[in-house]
Amino acid sequence: MKIIIQRYCTHRKPNPSIEVEYKLPLKNPTLLEALDFIKTNFDQTLTYSSGCRSEVCGSCSVKVNGKEKLSCGYKVQDGDVITPLSKLDIIKDLVVESDASFITLVKTRSFLEKSKSIKQTKEDEKLIEKQSDCILCNSCFSSCPVLEVNKDFLGPFALTRVLRYINDKRCEDEKQKIDLIQKNGIWDCTLCGECTIVCPQNIDPKMDILNLRAKSAKYGYMDPNFGVGDFGTLSF
C-alpha cells in the first residue's frame, strides 16, 4: 500500500510544498495509524495533529483526495493523497493555524451570554442537541466555497453554533445574535451542502442556515440581494 502526503515547510525553499510517497506494510490501518507508522519508522519530521483518537476532538482533520476526513477514523486506501485543510494557513505539513476560523465564534457571540434561569426539559435539550455535537474540526470551514471568494464569511460551524444558542430557551439576546449574522453571514451562503457532506458528526449546517434565515425574517430581515434596505432589513 502506498500513500502520498503533501509536506510543507517554510524553510524548504524555493518550493515549500512537496509531495512525498510512502509505502506501508500495514493492513487496513486508519490514516492516523499510518501517519504514526511513517513518523516512527521513516521520517520523524513528519508533522500532524491528533488528540482523542476516537473521532470526538476534531484535531486530526485533514483532506484525503480532496475531501475532509478525520485521520483517526478514515481507513487508508492504496494511492490516497493526503493534504492539509484548506482556507487556513499551514504551519507545517498537515498542521494548520485555526485562529482565523475560531475567531468567527467571537464575531457571532456564539455562546450563552445573557441567560434566563429556566428549567430545561428533555424536549428543550433535543432542540439544541444536534448542533451541540459540533467538535470544531474545521472540516466544514475547509470545504466551504464561499470562503474562496469572501474571507470575511462567517462560515458554517459559526452559524450552526448561533442556531444552537438561539434555540436555547435560556438565551436572552436572540435579536443581538440575529443582527450579527446578517453581513457576511446567512445570506452569503450558497446552500451548496458541501459542509453537510463532510461533517463527521452528521450536522446539517445548510439546514441550520435556512432556519436562521427564517428566524431573521421575524425581525424584518431578508436577502440583501433583493436590494431592500441595509444588509437585508425591510424598509417601510
Protein backbone atom coordinates (compact mmCIF):
# COMPACT_ATOMS: atom_id res chain seq x y z
CA MET A 1 0.00 0.00 0.00
CA LYS A 2 1.24 3.47 -0.81
CA ILE A 3 0.03 6.95 0.14
CA ILE A 4 1.16 10.40 -0.88
CA ILE A 5 1.46 13.19 1.69
CA GLN A 6 1.79 16.86 0.88
CA ARG A 7 4.71 18.06 3.00
CA TYR A 8 5.01 21.78 3.69
CA CYS A 9 7.76 23.74 5.41
CA THR A 10 8.60 27.45 5.02
CA HIS A 11 12.32 26.63 5.33
CA ARG A 12 12.15 24.45 2.23
CA LYS A 13 12.98 26.94 -0.50
CA PRO A 14 12.21 27.74 -3.25
CA ASN A 15 9.36 25.19 -3.07
CA PRO A 16 7.90 24.95 0.46
CA SER A 17 5.35 22.34 -0.67
CA ILE A 18 6.33 18.90 -1.99
CA GLU A 19 4.57 15.55 -2.36
CA VAL A 20 6.24 12.54 -0.76
CA GLU A 21 5.23 8.93 -1.42
CA TYR A 22 5.37 6.34 1.36
CA LYS A 23 4.99 2.56 1.03
CA LEU A 24 3.30 0.98 4.05
CA PRO A 25 3.44 -2.68 5.16
CA LEU A 26 0.20 -2.22 7.11
CA LYS A 27 -3.17 -3.92 6.68
CA ASN A 28 -6.32 -1.81 6.86
CA PRO A 29 -4.87 0.96 9.05
CA THR A 30 -6.56 4.20 9.92
CA LEU A 31 -4.86 7.24 8.47
CA LEU A 32 -3.66 8.25 11.93
CA GLU A 33 -2.09 4.81 12.41
CA ALA A 34 -0.38 5.22 9.03
CA LEU A 35 0.95 8.65 9.96
CA ASP A 36 2.24 7.32 13.28
CA PHE A 37 3.99 4.46 11.46
CA ILE A 38 5.64 6.84 8.99
CA LYS A 39 6.82 9.15 11.78
CA THR A 40 8.20 6.26 13.84
CA ASN A 41 9.84 4.29 11.04
CA PHE A 42 10.53 6.60 8.10
CA ASP A 43 10.62 10.29 8.97
CA GLN A 44 10.46 11.79 12.46
CA THR A 45 9.99 15.28 10.99
CA LEU A 46 6.50 14.48 9.65
CA THR A 47 4.12 16.86 11.45
CA TYR A 48 0.39 16.33 12.02
CA SER A 49 -2.20 16.80 14.75
CA SER A 50 -4.04 14.22 16.84
CA GLY A 51 -5.81 14.02 20.15
CA CYS A 52 -8.55 11.68 21.33
CA ARG A 53 -8.11 9.01 18.60
CA SER A 54 -11.86 8.43 18.97
CA GLU A 55 -13.37 10.87 16.40
CA VAL A 56 -14.61 13.30 19.05
CA CYS A 57 -11.95 16.02 19.42
CA GLY A 58 -11.65 17.05 15.77
CA SER A 59 -7.95 17.87 15.96
CA CYS A 60 -6.79 15.33 13.34
CA SER A 61 -8.88 16.63 10.43
CA VAL A 62 -7.11 16.63 7.04
CA LYS A 63 -8.07 16.26 3.38
CA VAL A 64 -7.95 12.88 1.66
CA ASN A 65 -8.20 13.01 -2.12
CA GLY A 66 -9.66 16.49 -1.76
CA LYS A 67 -12.30 15.65 0.87
CA GLU A 68 -12.14 16.43 4.58
CA LYS A 69 -11.72 13.42 6.89
CA LEU A 70 -10.77 12.69 10.49
CA SER A 71 -7.44 10.83 10.42
CA CYS A 72 -8.33 8.63 13.38
CA GLY A 73 -11.48 7.31 11.69
CA TYR A 74 -10.58 7.13 8.00
CA LYS A 75 -9.34 3.77 6.65
CA VAL A 76 -6.45 4.28 4.25
CA GLN A 77 -6.82 3.20 0.61
CA ASP A 78 -3.96 2.50 -1.77
CA GLY A 79 -2.94 5.67 -3.60
CA ASP A 80 -4.60 8.13 -1.21
CA VAL A 81 -3.31 11.70 -1.40
CA ILE A 82 -3.22 13.47 1.98
CA THR A 83 -3.19 17.27 2.18
CA PRO A 84 -3.84 19.84 4.92
CA LEU A 85 -7.20 21.58 5.35
CA SER A 86 -7.97 24.47 3.02
CA LYS A 87 -8.73 28.14 3.83
CA LEU A 88 -6.31 28.07 6.80
CA ASP A 89 -2.62 28.97 6.94
CA ILE A 90 -0.30 25.96 7.02
CA ILE A 91 2.11 25.83 9.95
CA LYS A 92 3.95 22.70 8.81
CA ASP A 93 2.97 19.65 6.77
CA LEU A 94 -0.61 18.72 7.83
CA VAL A 95 -0.89 21.19 10.72
CA VAL A 96 -2.87 24.41 10.12
CA GLU A 97 -3.49 27.57 12.11
CA SER A 98 -7.12 27.61 13.29
CA ASP A 99 -7.36 31.13 14.71
CA ALA A 100 -8.95 32.52 11.55
CA SER A 101 -11.88 30.13 11.83
CA PHE A 102 -12.33 30.18 15.61
CA ILE A 103 -12.47 34.00 15.67
CA THR A 104 -15.84 33.68 13.90
CA LEU A 105 -17.28 32.33 17.17
CA VAL A 106 -16.32 35.62 18.83
CA LYS A 107 -17.73 37.69 15.96
CA THR A 108 -21.08 35.91 16.18
CA ARG A 109 -21.06 35.77 20.02
CA SER A 110 -21.78 32.08 19.79
CA PHE A 111 -22.12 31.44 23.49
CA LEU A 112 -24.76 31.85 26.17
CA GLU A 113 -24.05 35.48 27.01
CA LYS A 114 -27.29 36.57 28.68
CA SER A 115 -29.34 33.76 30.13
CA LYS A 116 -32.61 33.22 31.94
CA SER A 117 -32.89 30.87 34.89
CA ILE A 118 -35.33 28.43 33.32
CA LYS A 119 -35.56 24.69 33.85
CA GLN A 120 -34.69 22.69 30.73
CA THR A 121 -36.96 19.84 29.68
CA LYS A 122 -35.95 16.84 27.58
CA GLU A 123 -37.73 18.45 24.64
CA ASP A 124 -35.73 21.65 25.15
CA GLU A 125 -32.49 19.68 25.13
CA LYS A 126 -33.43 17.99 21.86
CA LEU A 127 -33.77 21.41 20.20
CA ILE A 128 -30.05 22.06 20.68
CA GLU A 129 -28.72 18.51 20.82
CA LYS A 130 -27.52 18.08 17.24
CA GLN A 131 -25.81 21.48 16.95
CA SER A 132 -24.12 20.88 20.31
CA ASP A 133 -22.37 17.86 18.77
CA CYS A 134 -20.04 20.12 16.74
CA ILE A 135 -16.41 19.21 17.51
CA LEU A 136 -14.88 22.28 15.78
CA CYS A 137 -12.82 20.11 13.43
CA ASN A 138 -12.85 22.82 10.72
CA SER A 139 -13.94 20.32 8.05
CA CYS A 140 -16.93 22.46 7.03
CA PHE A 141 -14.80 25.62 7.08
CA SER A 142 -12.24 23.96 4.80
CA SER A 143 -14.88 22.70 2.35
CA CYS A 144 -16.85 25.97 2.05
CA PRO A 145 -16.58 27.50 -1.46
CA VAL A 146 -17.83 30.90 -0.26
CA LEU A 147 -14.61 31.37 1.72
CA GLU A 148 -12.70 31.10 -1.56
CA VAL A 149 -14.15 34.45 -2.65
CA ASN A 150 -15.09 36.07 0.68
CA LYS A 151 -12.59 35.61 3.53
CA ASP A 152 -14.93 37.57 5.83
CA PHE A 153 -17.72 34.98 5.51
CA LEU A 154 -18.57 33.70 8.98
CA GLY A 155 -18.58 30.10 7.81
CA PRO A 156 -20.77 27.06 8.51
CA PHE A 157 -19.85 25.99 12.04
CA ALA A 158 -20.13 29.50 13.49
CA LEU A 159 -23.64 29.84 12.05
CA THR A 160 -24.62 26.37 13.26
CA ARG A 161 -23.43 27.38 16.72
CA VAL A 162 -25.53 30.56 16.59
CA LEU A 163 -28.63 28.46 15.94
CA ARG A 164 -27.72 26.24 18.89
CA TYR A 165 -27.86 29.23 21.25
CA ILE A 166 -30.85 30.91 19.63
CA ASN A 167 -32.79 27.66 20.06
CA ASP A 168 -31.80 27.54 23.71
CA LYS A 169 -34.82 28.95 25.57
CA ARG A 170 -32.48 30.33 28.24
CA CYS A 171 -31.00 32.76 25.68
CA GLU A 172 -32.00 36.39 26.30
CA ASP A 173 -30.14 38.06 23.42
CA GLU A 174 -31.61 36.34 20.35
CA LYS A 175 -32.06 39.64 18.48
CA GLN A 176 -28.42 40.62 19.02
CA LYS A 177 -27.20 37.30 17.66
CA ILE A 178 -29.54 37.58 14.66
CA ASP A 179 -28.18 41.08 13.95
CA LEU A 180 -24.60 39.81 13.91
CA ILE A 181 -25.13 37.15 11.23
CA GLN A 182 -26.64 39.32 8.50
CA LYS A 183 -23.48 40.76 6.95
CA ASN A 184 -21.05 38.12 5.61
CA GLY A 185 -23.36 35.55 7.13
CA ILE A 186 -26.53 33.64 6.35
CA TRP A 187 -27.34 35.40 3.07
CA ASP A 188 -23.84 34.84 1.63
CA CYS A 189 -24.17 31.05 1.88
CA THR A 190 -24.84 29.40 -1.50
CA LEU A 191 -26.55 26.38 0.14
CA CYS A 192 -24.28 24.04 -1.83
CA GLY A 193 -24.27 21.50 1.00
CA GLU A 194 -20.53 20.76 0.96
CA CYS A 195 -20.38 21.46 4.70
CA THR A 196 -23.14 18.93 5.35
CA ILE A 197 -21.37 16.25 3.30
CA VAL A 198 -18.06 16.47 5.18
CA CYS A 199 -19.36 16.88 8.75
CA PRO A 200 -18.19 13.85 10.81
CA GLN A 201 -20.99 14.48 13.32
CA ASN A 202 -23.75 14.41 10.68
CA ILE A 203 -24.72 18.01 11.43
CA ASP A 204 -26.50 19.82 8.59
CA PRO A 205 -25.17 23.43 8.54
CA LYS A 206 -27.06 24.14 5.32
CA MET A 207 -30.38 23.43 7.02
CA ASP A 208 -29.24 25.37 10.10
CA ILE A 209 -28.58 28.39 7.90
CA LEU A 210 -32.02 28.07 6.30
CA ASN A 211 -33.52 28.02 9.81
CA LEU A 212 -31.56 31.14 10.70
CA ARG A 213 -32.91 32.88 7.59
CA ALA A 214 -36.44 32.06 8.71
CA LYS A 215 -35.75 33.37 12.21
CA SER A 216 -34.16 36.51 10.73
CA ALA A 217 -37.34 37.19 8.77
CA LYS A 218 -39.20 37.54 12.08
CA TYR A 219 -37.00 40.57 12.80
CA GLY A 220 -37.59 42.15 9.39
CA TYR A 221 -34.52 40.84 7.59
CA MET A 222 -34.43 39.38 4.11
CA ASP A 223 -31.89 38.55 1.41
CA PRO A 224 -30.00 41.80 0.65
CA ASN A 225 -29.58 40.65 -2.96
CA PHE A 226 -33.18 41.77 -3.40
CA GLY A 227 -31.91 45.31 -2.75
CA VAL A 228 -34.31 46.13 0.08
CA GLY A 229 -32.86 48.16 2.94
CA ASP A 230 -29.45 47.93 4.59
CA PHE A 231 -27.99 44.43 4.95
CA GLY A 232 -31.42 42.98 4.18
CA THR A 233 -33.55 44.92 6.66
CA LEU A 234 -37.03 45.56 5.32
CA SER A 235 -37.82 49.24 4.81
CA PHE A 236 -41.30 50.59 5.31
